[in-house]
Amino acid sequence: MIEDILRQSVSILTSLTEAGALIIIFVGVLRGFILFLWHSFKRQGAEYYIPIRLDLGRYLALGLEFQLASDLLRTAVAPSFEEIGKLAAVATIRTALNYFLSREIQDERQEMKMDHA
């Protein structure tokens, strides 16, 4: 009985967390697309696109964190070894994506600072 209530609660929380991830990523993509169009119509140079990429990267990284959190929630209640294995694989992939995305954002920021110095 209590385990069923806990499973239902975790299912709701997981859905909300996944929805949050989708909203964050969608907002970042929409914002990036609008800024891209704005700068394209103004016919500005490539240096104007770097901040757009950085901004989009931050949204993607945050969305990945939310998705990882939903995966953790999903396996919080009596996980099987199969679920734990899937979580480990997904967590590894998402963590690697987030790491490389963060690294690229950091490299772009440093490059922008050097260009403006």
Protein backbone atom coordinates (compact mmCIF):
# COMPACT_ATOMS: atom_id res chain seq x y z
CA MET A 1 0.00 0.00 0.00
CA ILE A 2 2.62 2.56 1.05
CA GLU A 3 4.94 1.36 -1.70
CA ASP A 4 2.18 1.90 -4.28
CA ILE A 5 1.62 5.46 -3.05
CA LEU A 6 5.37 6.06 -3.15
CA ARG A 7 5.59 4.67 -6.71
CA GLN A 8 2.72 6.92 -7.84
CA SER A 9 4.31 9.94 -6.18
CA VAL A 10 7.67 9.22 -7.80
CA SER A 11 5.94 8.72 -11.16
CA ILE A 12 4.30 12.15 -10.88
CA LEU A 13 7.56 13.79 -9.78
CA THR A 14 9.41 12.09 -12.63
CA SER A 15 6.88 13.36 -15.16
CA LEU A 16 7.11 16.89 -13.76
CA THR A 17 10.91 16.80 -13.86
CA GLU A 18 10.92 15.53 -17.45
CA ALA A 19 8.41 18.22 -18.40
CA GLY A 20 10.69 20.79 -16.77
CA ALA A 21 13.62 19.51 -18.84
CA LEU A 22 11.58 19.74 -22.02
CA ILE A 23 10.44 23.28 -21.22
CA ILE A 24 13.97 24.43 -20.40
CA ILE A 25 15.39 22.97 -23.61
CA PHE A 26 12.49 24.30 -25.70
CA VAL A 27 12.85 27.82 -24.25
CA GLY A 28 16.60 27.74 -24.95
CA VAL A 29 16.09 26.55 -28.52
CA LEU A 30 13.34 29.09 -29.16
CA ARG A 31 15.42 31.91 -27.69
CA GLY A 32 18.47 30.84 -29.69
CA PHE A 33 16.47 30.60 -32.90
CA ILE A 34 14.93 34.05 -32.43
CA LEU A 35 18.33 35.61 -31.67
CA PHE A 36 19.84 33.79 -34.64
CA LEU A 37 17.15 35.17 -36.95
CA TRP A 38 17.54 38.68 -35.50
CA HIS A 39 21.29 38.74 -36.08
CA SER A 40 20.92 37.10 -39.50
CA PHE A 41 18.53 39.79 -40.70
CA LYS A 42 20.85 42.48 -39.37
CA ARG A 43 23.61 40.72 -41.35
CA GLN A 44 26.05 40.78 -38.49
CA GLY A 45 29.28 38.83 -38.42
CA ALA A 46 29.97 35.39 -37.01
CA GLU A 47 31.16 36.85 -33.68
CA TYR A 48 27.53 37.66 -32.84
CA TYR A 49 26.61 33.98 -32.97
CA ILE A 50 29.03 32.88 -30.24
CA PRO A 51 26.96 34.36 -27.38
CA ILE A 52 23.88 32.67 -28.87
CA ARG A 53 25.67 29.31 -28.83
CA LEU A 54 26.81 29.89 -25.25
CA ASP A 55 23.30 30.77 -24.15
CA LEU A 56 21.83 27.72 -25.89
CA GLY A 57 24.54 25.54 -24.35
CA ARG A 58 23.56 26.70 -20.86
CA TYR A 59 19.93 25.80 -21.50
CA LEU A 60 20.92 22.39 -22.88
CA ALA A 61 23.19 21.68 -19.90
CA LEU A 62 20.42 22.60 -17.46
CA GLY A 63 17.91 20.48 -19.38
CA LEU A 64 20.30 17.51 -19.24
CA GLU A 65 20.60 17.95 -15.47
CA PHE A 66 16.82 17.83 -15.13
CA GLN A 67 16.65 14.70 -17.29
CA LEU A 68 19.29 13.02 -15.18
CA ALA A 69 17.31 13.95 -12.06
CA SER A 70 14.19 12.33 -13.54
CA ASP A 71 16.19 9.16 -14.25
CA LEU A 72 17.36 9.09 -10.64
CA LEU A 73 13.81 9.56 -9.38
CA ARG A 74 12.56 6.76 -11.62
CA THR A 75 14.90 4.25 -9.98
CA ALA A 76 14.39 5.54 -6.43
CA VAL A 77 11.71 3.00 -5.49
CA ALA A 78 12.87 -0.64 -5.35
CA PRO A 79 14.92 -0.64 -8.56
CA SER A 80 15.80 -3.89 -10.31
CA PHE A 81 19.32 -4.63 -11.49
CA GLU A 82 18.14 -4.02 -15.06
CA GLU A 83 16.86 -0.54 -14.11
CA ILE A 84 20.09 0.23 -12.28
CA GLY A 85 22.10 -0.83 -15.35
CA LYS A 86 19.99 1.35 -17.62
CA LEU A 87 20.35 4.28 -15.21
CA ALA A 88 24.12 3.82 -15.13
CA ALA A 89 24.31 3.83 -18.93
CA VAL A 90 22.00 6.84 -19.34
CA ALA A 91 23.66 8.74 -16.49
CA THR A 92 27.09 8.12 -18.01
CA ILE A 93 25.99 9.35 -21.43
CA ARG A 94 24.21 12.43 -20.06
CA THR A 95 27.06 13.26 -17.72
CA ALA A 96 29.56 12.97 -20.59
CA LEU A 97 27.37 15.17 -22.81
CA ASN A 98 27.07 17.73 -20.04
CA TYR A 99 30.82 17.65 -19.36
CA PHE A 100 31.77 18.24 -22.99
CA LEU A 101 29.07 20.87 -23.41
CA SER A 102 30.31 22.72 -20.33
CA ARG A 103 33.86 22.47 -21.57
CA GLU A 104 32.90 23.88 -24.95
CA ILE A 105 31.04 26.75 -23.25
CA GLN A 106 34.11 27.50 -21.14
CA ASP A 107 36.40 27.41 -24.21
CA GLU A 108 34.07 29.75 -26.11
CA ARG A 109 34.01 32.19 -23.19
CA GLN A 110 37.80 32.25 -23.01
CA GLU A 111 38.01 32.78 -26.76
CA MET A 112 35.56 35.68 -26.51
CA LYS A 113 37.60 37.27 -23.72
CA MET A 114 40.79 36.95 -25.78
CA ASP A 115 39.07 38.49 -28.81
CA HIS A 116 37.87 41.46 -26.77
CA ALA A 117 41.18 41.98 -24.95
